[in-house]
Protein backbone atom coordinates (compact mmCIF):
# COMPACT_ATOMS: atom_id res chain seq x y z
CA UNK A 1 146.22 88.38 89.74
CA UNK A 2 144.10 87.28 92.85
CA UNK A 3 142.76 84.20 94.46
CA UNK A 4 139.22 85.61 94.96
CA UNK A 5 138.25 84.09 91.78
CA UNK A 6 134.44 83.73 91.43
CA UNK A 7 133.69 85.56 94.49
CA UNK A 8 134.77 88.81 92.90
CA UNK A 9 131.90 91.00 91.45
CA UNK A 10 131.13 91.07 87.78
CA UNK A 11 131.52 94.19 85.75
CA UNK A 12 129.85 96.20 84.51
CA UNK A 13 127.34 96.74 87.36
CA UNK A 14 123.77 98.15 86.84
CA UNK A 15 123.67 101.88 87.76
CA UNK A 16 120.55 103.67 89.06
CA UNK A 17 118.65 106.11 86.83
CA UNK A 18 120.43 109.09 88.98
CA UNK A 19 123.24 107.19 90.71
CA UNK A 20 126.12 105.08 89.96
CA UNK A 21 125.69 101.28 90.82
CA UNK A 22 124.92 100.91 94.58
CA UNK A 23 127.84 98.32 94.69
CA UNK A 24 130.22 101.34 94.37
CA UNK A 25 129.44 102.88 97.79
CA UNK A 26 129.43 99.45 99.44
CA UNK A 27 132.89 98.65 97.92
CA UNK A 28 134.28 102.19 98.72
CA UNK A 29 133.47 101.52 102.38
CA UNK A 30 134.62 97.93 102.72
CA UNK A 31 136.94 97.05 99.79
CA UNK A 32 137.83 100.32 97.86
CA UNK A 33 140.18 98.74 95.51
CA UNK A 34 138.69 95.08 94.74
CA UNK A 35 139.00 92.62 92.05
CA UNK A 36 136.37 92.39 89.64
CA UNK A 37 135.53 89.95 86.78
CA UNK A 38 135.65 91.59 83.27
CA UNK A 39 133.01 90.38 80.52
CA UNK A 40 135.82 88.49 78.60
CA UNK A 41 136.75 86.30 81.76
CA UNK A 42 139.89 88.16 82.99
CA UNK A 43 140.03 90.02 86.21
CA UNK A 44 140.76 93.60 86.90
CA UNK A 45 140.86 96.12 89.90
CA UNK A 46 137.86 98.41 90.62
CA UNK A 47 138.79 101.75 92.24
CA UNK A 48 135.93 103.53 93.96
CA UNK A 49 137.68 106.31 96.15
CA UNK A 50 138.21 109.71 94.71
CA UNK A 51 141.90 110.13 95.86
CA UNK A 52 142.71 106.83 94.38
CA UNK A 53 140.98 107.36 91.18
CA UNK A 54 142.82 110.62 90.49
CA UNK A 55 146.07 109.14 91.29
CA UNK A 56 145.71 106.26 88.84
CA UNK A 57 144.29 108.80 86.11
CA UNK A 58 147.22 111.02 86.47
CA UNK A 59 150.02 108.52 86.80
CA UNK A 60 151.80 107.78 83.59
CA UNK A 61 152.60 104.53 84.65
CA UNK A 62 148.90 103.38 83.96
CA UNK A 63 148.38 103.04 80.28
CA UNK A 64 145.28 104.04 78.27
CA UNK A 65 146.37 102.03 75.17
CA UNK A 66 144.03 99.17 74.64
CA UNK A 67 146.78 97.35 72.84
CA UNK A 68 148.68 97.04 76.20
CA UNK A 69 148.81 93.60 77.76
CA UNK A 70 146.11 93.43 80.32
CA UNK A 71 144.09 96.17 79.12
CA UNK A 72 140.50 95.73 80.68
CA UNK A 73 137.90 94.68 78.10
CA UNK A 74 134.47 96.37 79.26
CA UNK A 75 132.66 94.41 76.40
CA UNK A 76 132.98 92.34 73.21
CA UNK A 77 131.39 95.29 71.32
CA UNK A 78 133.93 97.83 72.82
CA UNK A 79 137.07 95.75 71.97
CA UNK A 80 135.67 95.23 68.12
CA UNK A 81 135.21 98.73 67.97
CA UNK A 82 138.86 99.58 69.29
CA UNK A 83 140.43 97.14 67.06
CA UNK A 84 138.70 98.57 64.02
CA UNK A 85 140.27 102.05 64.77
CA UNK A 86 143.26 102.22 62.53
CA UNK A 87 145.07 104.40 63.56
CA UNK A 88 143.86 104.62 67.15
CA UNK A 89 142.53 108.14 68.28
CA UNK A 90 145.36 110.16 70.48
CA UNK A 91 142.96 109.71 73.61
CA UNK A 92 143.98 106.22 73.59
CA UNK A 93 147.64 106.80 73.29
CA UNK A 94 150.25 107.38 76.15
CA UNK A 95 152.79 110.23 76.42
CA UNK A 96 154.81 111.60 74.47
CA UNK A 97 152.50 110.51 71.55
CA UNK A 98 149.46 111.50 73.26
CA UNK A 99 150.81 114.90 74.17
CA UNK A 100 152.12 115.66 70.72
CA UNK A 101 148.75 115.19 69.19
CA UNK A 102 146.77 116.88 71.91
CA UNK A 103 148.91 120.07 71.59
CA UNK A 104 147.85 120.33 67.95
CA UNK A 105 144.27 120.95 69.11
CA UNK A 106 144.74 122.64 72.31
CA UNK A 107 144.29 126.12 70.88
CA UNK A 108 140.98 125.31 69.27
CA UNK A 109 139.52 124.52 72.70
CA UNK A 110 141.24 126.68 75.20
CA UNK A 111 138.57 128.81 77.31
CA UNK A 112 139.53 132.23 75.61
CA UNK A 113 138.65 130.71 72.06
CA UNK A 114 135.60 129.07 73.23
CA UNK A 115 134.31 132.14 75.25
CA UNK A 116 134.60 133.96 72.05
CA UNK A 117 132.22 131.54 70.64
CA UNK A 118 129.63 132.25 73.29
CA UNK A 119 127.38 134.81 71.53
CA UNK A 120 127.10 132.23 68.70
CA UNK A 121 126.14 129.43 70.73
CA UNK A 122 123.68 131.52 72.70
CA UNK A 123 122.11 132.87 69.39
CA UNK A 124 121.76 128.90 68.36
CA UNK A 125 120.00 128.20 71.62
CA UNK A 126 117.52 130.88 71.14
CA UNK A 127 117.17 129.60 67.44
CA UNK A 128 116.28 126.24 68.36
CA UNK A 129 114.08 127.16 71.37
CA UNK A 130 112.18 129.35 68.80
CA UNK A 131 111.74 126.22 66.62
CA UNK A 132 110.46 124.17 69.47
CA UNK A 133 107.98 126.83 70.47
CA UNK A 134 106.52 127.16 67.13
CA UNK A 135 106.23 123.38 66.67
CA UNK A 136 104.21 123.24 69.89
CA UNK A 137 104.28 120.81 72.74
CA UNK A 138 104.85 118.10 73.23
CA UNK A 139 108.29 117.44 71.79
CA UNK A 140 111.18 115.20 72.56
CA UNK A 141 113.86 117.66 73.99
CA UNK A 142 116.69 115.30 73.17
CA UNK A 143 116.15 115.15 69.51
CA UNK A 144 114.99 118.54 68.91
CA UNK A 145 117.21 120.47 71.32
CA UNK A 146 119.56 118.47 73.51
CA UNK A 147 120.98 116.68 70.37
CA UNK A 148 120.67 119.46 67.88
CA UNK A 149 122.56 122.06 69.70
CA UNK A 150 125.87 120.37 70.33
CA UNK A 151 125.64 118.74 66.87
CA UNK A 152 125.25 121.95 65.12
CA UNK A 153 127.98 123.57 67.08
CA UNK A 154 130.65 120.84 66.67
CA UNK A 155 129.73 120.62 63.02
CA UNK A 156 130.38 124.15 62.38
CA UNK A 157 133.77 124.04 64.34
CA UNK A 158 134.87 120.98 62.37
CA UNK A 159 133.42 121.99 59.24
CA UNK A 160 131.37 118.77 58.88
CA UNK A 161 128.12 119.28 57.00
CA UNK A 162 125.36 119.47 59.39
CA UNK A 163 122.92 117.90 56.69
CA UNK A 164 124.94 114.65 57.39
CA UNK A 165 124.14 114.57 60.87
CA UNK A 166 121.58 111.48 60.73
CA UNK A 167 124.61 109.29 59.24
CA UNK A 168 127.31 110.22 61.89
CA UNK A 169 124.76 110.41 64.83
CA UNK A 170 123.69 106.89 64.20
CA UNK A 171 127.35 105.51 63.89
CA UNK A 172 128.45 107.41 67.03
CA UNK A 173 125.69 105.71 68.98
CA UNK A 174 126.87 102.35 67.65
CA UNK A 175 130.41 103.00 68.58
CA UNK A 176 129.47 103.68 72.00
CA UNK A 177 127.04 100.78 72.51
CA UNK A 178 128.52 98.00 74.73
CA UNK A 179 125.93 95.38 73.87
CA UNK A 180 126.02 95.75 70.09
CA UNK A 181 127.00 92.71 68.01
CA UNK A 182 130.84 92.92 67.46
CA UNK A 183 130.51 93.06 63.94
CA UNK A 184 128.13 95.86 63.86
CA UNK A 185 130.23 97.87 66.12
CA UNK A 186 133.34 97.41 63.92
CA UNK A 187 131.47 98.47 60.92
CA UNK A 188 130.04 101.51 62.47
CA UNK A 189 133.61 102.41 63.19
CA UNK A 190 134.91 101.73 59.77
CA UNK A 191 131.98 103.64 58.15
CA UNK A 192 132.63 106.74 60.18
CA UNK A 193 136.28 106.71 59.22
CA UNK A 194 135.31 106.25 55.42
CA UNK A 195 132.80 109.20 55.85
CA UNK A 196 135.37 111.43 57.11
CA UNK A 197 138.09 110.35 54.77
CA UNK A 198 135.75 111.45 52.03
CA UNK A 199 135.14 114.71 53.72
CA UNK A 200 138.76 115.30 53.92
CA UNK A 201 139.01 114.62 50.27
CA UNK A 202 136.39 117.26 49.64
CA UNK A 203 138.18 119.77 51.85
CA UNK A 204 141.35 119.48 49.68
CA UNK A 205 139.29 120.99 46.78
CA UNK A 206 138.19 124.16 48.71
CA UNK A 207 141.37 124.13 50.85
CA UNK A 208 141.96 127.99 50.21
CA UNK A 209 138.05 129.01 50.44
CA UNK A 210 137.23 127.34 53.92
CA UNK A 211 138.48 128.28 57.42
CA UNK A 212 137.41 125.50 59.74
CA UNK A 213 139.25 122.93 61.93
CA UNK A 214 139.57 120.27 59.22
CA UNK A 215 141.16 122.70 56.93
CA UNK A 216 143.37 124.15 59.41
CA UNK A 217 144.69 120.87 60.43
CA UNK A 218 145.51 119.98 56.91
CA UNK A 219 147.47 123.09 56.26
CA UNK A 220 149.15 123.21 59.45
CA UNK A 221 149.65 119.71 60.31
CA UNK A 222 149.35 117.22 57.34
CA UNK A 223 150.98 119.36 54.85
CA UNK A 224 153.86 120.21 57.07
CA UNK A 225 154.41 116.41 57.58
CA UNK A 226 153.84 116.26 61.21
CA UNK A 227 150.85 113.91 60.86
CA UNK A 228 149.37 111.89 58.27
CA UNK A 229 145.90 112.11 56.44
CA UNK A 230 144.87 108.96 58.37
CA UNK A 231 146.09 110.68 61.68
CA UNK A 232 143.85 113.66 61.02
CA UNK A 233 140.88 111.76 60.37
CA UNK A 234 141.26 109.91 63.47
CA UNK A 235 141.44 113.10 65.31
CA UNK A 236 138.23 114.48 63.65
CA UNK A 237 136.52 111.07 64.49
CA UNK A 238 137.11 111.63 67.99
CA UNK A 239 136.22 115.36 68.11
CA UNK A 240 132.87 114.56 66.31
CA UNK A 241 131.71 111.82 68.36
CA UNK A 242 132.69 113.56 71.76
CA UNK A 243 131.48 116.93 70.79
CA UNK A 244 127.84 116.07 70.47
CA UNK A 245 127.07 112.57 72.30
CA UNK A 246 128.55 113.75 75.78
CA UNK A 247 126.88 117.28 75.64
CA UNK A 248 123.35 116.17 74.40
CA UNK A 249 123.00 113.80 77.12
CA UNK A 250 124.18 115.99 79.82
CA UNK A 251 121.73 118.87 78.67
CA UNK A 252 119.00 116.48 78.90
CA UNK A 253 119.82 114.81 82.22
CA UNK A 254 120.44 118.41 83.53
CA UNK A 255 116.86 119.44 82.50
CA UNK A 256 115.46 116.25 83.95
CA UNK A 257 117.35 116.77 87.17
CA UNK A 258 115.79 120.23 87.58
CA UNK A 259 112.33 118.99 86.72
CA UNK A 260 112.61 116.37 89.64
CA UNK A 261 113.71 119.09 91.91
CA UNK A 262 111.23 122.14 91.12
CA UNK A 263 112.61 124.17 93.96
CA UNK A 264 116.18 124.37 92.57
CA UNK A 265 114.68 125.01 89.00
CA UNK A 266 112.76 128.09 90.53
CA UNK A 267 115.93 129.13 92.38
CA UNK A 268 117.84 129.28 88.96
CA UNK A 269 115.09 131.18 87.30
CA UNK A 270 115.26 133.65 90.00
CA UNK A 271 118.98 133.90 90.60
CA UNK A 272 120.92 133.36 87.25
CA UNK A 273 124.25 133.61 89.24
CA UNK A 274 123.68 130.07 90.12
CA UNK A 275 124.01 128.90 86.67
CA UNK A 276 127.85 128.03 86.67
CA UNK A 277 127.38 125.93 89.97
CA UNK A 278 124.67 124.25 88.68
CA UNK A 279 126.26 123.20 85.68
CA UNK A 280 129.24 121.92 87.70
CA UNK A 281 126.77 119.93 89.97
CA UNK A 282 125.08 118.23 87.02
CA UNK A 283 128.54 117.16 85.77
CA UNK A 284 129.44 115.77 89.14
CA UNK A 285 125.99 114.20 89.91
CA UNK A 286 125.42 112.39 86.57
CA UNK A 287 129.07 111.68 85.51
CA UNK A 288 127.88 110.44 81.89
CA UNK A 289 131.45 109.35 81.18
CA UNK A 290 130.78 106.49 83.40
CA UNK A 291 132.96 103.90 81.62
CA UNK A 292 136.09 106.34 81.44
CA UNK A 293 138.85 104.92 83.44
CA UNK A 294 140.08 101.61 82.04
CA UNK A 295 144.05 101.50 82.44
CA UNK A 296 146.81 98.94 82.68
CA UNK A 297 149.76 99.15 85.00
CA UNK A 298 152.97 99.35 82.91
CA UNK A 299 155.18 98.85 86.03
CA UNK A 300 154.69 97.82 89.56
CA UNK A 301 152.76 100.73 91.14
CA UNK A 302 151.45 101.42 94.94
CA UNK A 303 148.30 103.36 95.11
CA UNK A 304 145.91 103.67 98.25
CA UNK A 305 147.92 101.09 99.96
CA UNK A 306 147.70 98.61 97.20
CA UNK A 307 150.33 96.97 95.23
CA UNK A 308 149.58 96.80 91.62
CA UNK A 309 151.56 94.75 89.34
CA UNK A 310 152.83 95.24 85.80
CA UNK A 311 149.83 94.03 83.53
CA UNK A 312 147.20 94.70 86.17
CA UNK A 313 144.03 95.98 84.53
CA UNK A 314 142.47 98.80 86.20
CA UNK A 315 138.93 100.50 86.24
CA UNK A 316 139.13 103.87 87.75
CA UNK A 317 135.53 104.79 88.21
CA UNK A 318 135.07 108.45 88.07
CA UNK A 319 131.13 108.14 88.79
CA UNK A 320 132.14 106.56 92.09
CA UNK A 321 134.79 109.22 92.64
CA UNK A 322 132.33 111.93 92.41
CA UNK A 323 130.24 110.40 94.92
CA UNK A 324 132.81 110.08 97.54
CA UNK A 325 131.43 111.66 100.77
CA UNK A 326 134.91 112.52 101.93
CA UNK A 327 135.00 115.13 99.25
CA UNK A 328 131.39 115.96 98.63
CA UNK A 329 129.26 115.91 101.86
CA UNK A 330 125.88 114.12 101.18
CA UNK A 331 127.06 113.22 97.66
CA UNK A 332 123.72 111.51 96.52
CA UNK A 333 121.95 114.87 97.14
CA UNK A 334 121.37 117.06 93.88
CA UNK A 335 122.22 120.58 95.06
CA UNK A 336 122.84 123.50 92.45
CA UNK A 337 124.47 125.54 95.36
CA UNK A 338 127.01 122.96 95.94
CA UNK A 339 130.81 123.96 94.99
CA UNK A 340 131.58 121.04 92.74
CA UNK A 341 134.46 122.27 90.72
CA UNK A 342 136.71 119.53 92.26
CA UNK A 343 134.65 116.79 90.43
CA UNK A 344 136.04 114.43 87.97
CA UNK A 345 133.17 114.55 85.58
CA UNK A 346 135.58 115.00 82.66
CA UNK A 347 138.27 112.85 83.78
CA UNK A 348 141.58 113.68 85.32
CA UNK A 349 145.33 114.23 84.28
CA UNK A 350 146.57 114.30 80.88
CA UNK A 351 143.68 112.37 79.34
CA UNK A 352 140.87 114.65 80.70
CA UNK A 353 138.41 115.86 78.18
CA UNK A 354 139.79 118.37 75.85
CA UNK A 355 136.46 119.82 74.80
CA UNK A 356 135.33 120.65 78.47
CA UNK A 357 135.22 124.46 77.97
CA UNK A 358 132.90 124.12 74.90
CA UNK A 359 130.70 121.52 77.06
CA UNK A 360 130.38 124.09 79.96
CA UNK A 361 129.68 127.11 77.59
CA UNK A 362 126.89 125.18 75.93
CA UNK A 363 125.46 124.02 79.05
CA UNK A 364 125.51 127.42 80.73
CA UNK A 365 123.92 128.93 77.52
CA UNK A 366 121.13 126.59 77.73
CA UNK A 367 120.43 126.89 81.44
CA UNK A 368 120.51 130.69 81.14
CA UNK A 369 117.43 130.85 79.17
CA UNK A 370 115.32 127.46 78.86
CA UNK A 371 113.34 127.90 82.06
CA UNK A 372 112.80 131.71 81.33
CA UNK A 373 111.52 130.60 78.01
CA UNK A 374 109.27 127.74 79.36
CA UNK A 375 108.83 128.40 83.09
CA UNK A 376 106.44 125.42 83.42
CA UNK A 377 108.46 122.93 81.19
CA UNK A 378 107.57 119.48 82.36
CA UNK A 379 107.75 115.78 81.43
CA UNK A 380 105.08 114.67 79.13
CA UNK A 381 105.08 111.14 80.39
CA UNK A 382 105.76 109.51 83.81
CA UNK A 383 109.19 109.42 84.81
CA UNK A 384 109.22 105.55 84.74
CA UNK A 385 108.57 105.68 81.18
CA UNK A 386 111.90 107.64 80.47
CA UNK A 387 114.47 104.97 79.06
CA UNK A 388 117.96 105.41 80.29
CA UNK A 389 121.03 104.13 78.06
CA UNK A 390 122.75 101.93 80.49
CA UNK A 391 124.32 99.99 77.81
CA UNK A 392 126.64 102.84 76.42
CA UNK A 393 129.88 104.05 77.23
CA UNK A 394 128.06 107.73 77.71
CA UNK A 395 125.35 107.52 79.97
CA UNK A 396 122.06 109.02 78.96
CA UNK A 397 118.58 108.93 77.89
CA UNK A 398 116.88 107.60 74.59
CA UNK A 399 114.31 110.43 74.59
CA UNK A 400 112.93 113.36 76.72
CA UNK A 401 109.39 114.08 76.02
CA UNK A 402 108.53 117.43 77.33
CA UNK A 403 105.28 119.67 77.25
CA UNK A 404 104.65 123.24 78.49
CA UNK A 405 101.53 125.79 78.35
CA UNK A 406 101.93 127.53 74.99
CA UNK A 407 101.91 131.42 75.38
């Protein structure tokens, strides 16, 4: 692929707590499309410019299918997990197959449908905050709130028992852990599919008595012969993991960012009209889907003045794109007044996050009230004691110990 050999940087690169790896900025200025050495010994191309990243993510000649020759392997655990998924979730399929599966779910996550759920989500936010207040400080906001909120919401939407949350939360974390033993990663994947297949069987017994996404999928897609039972289970697997892991980390990182910028926290309390822009800035600033972007060229393609050849692996880094100063002035500055709606925090193109309307409503509902309820919310430990999850496909934190002055 290239003659730079061992001189190429190795992937993944270590990111800072609140920023992408510093190498991304350096490479964007000097070599924005550069060869990198992947963990399996093969090479791929790393993209760090906003326009190049968007172009690759929206060009159908770059495949997202891990079975394609040349697909970049980001870790042995990740490839073991991907190989254990049978069938593959639709997010890792290319059009037209991807399009067909995604359309089956679009109506469930369009803005109008999710907006109608806002009162229910806001009520759940208040209930969880009531529980936290009754419990008293300090608390781990990740477990007691950040994880609890999206888990309960996506469980209700899908029809997955909330009482099973410990099981599927643990398997979800394992599936996203890039440093896990490959055998453990594969087992977590298989365990999750078996759990959801068993749940599918239970839904069949009450098919006319329940109305949730799984039941609707069975009635309108499986029973009509459009997809198989295994296809439906794969879809639910994807939605369940994406529906709680990503949002929980965004909520907690958003809280942490505001605690690190008390002037902006105070501004949000005084002026709730800033909430929407604040949420978009959190999505841009943290870009927790920092490992989104593995692609492989299925044809010869020119992007950003570079000629990619068929079979070239590509890492289109959305975390680097969201810090491109040509698009976002002073990109390393956290600013809730910034108009960040052009960010690619949910990806870009046909594979961008299906559930982004839900994530936005959940985050908006949280930041509408959390500092109103707990105006002196603060860290219960020094910042340096916060453990960041740098070894996962989804960036986040292992816990968020917070305290406040009880009323």
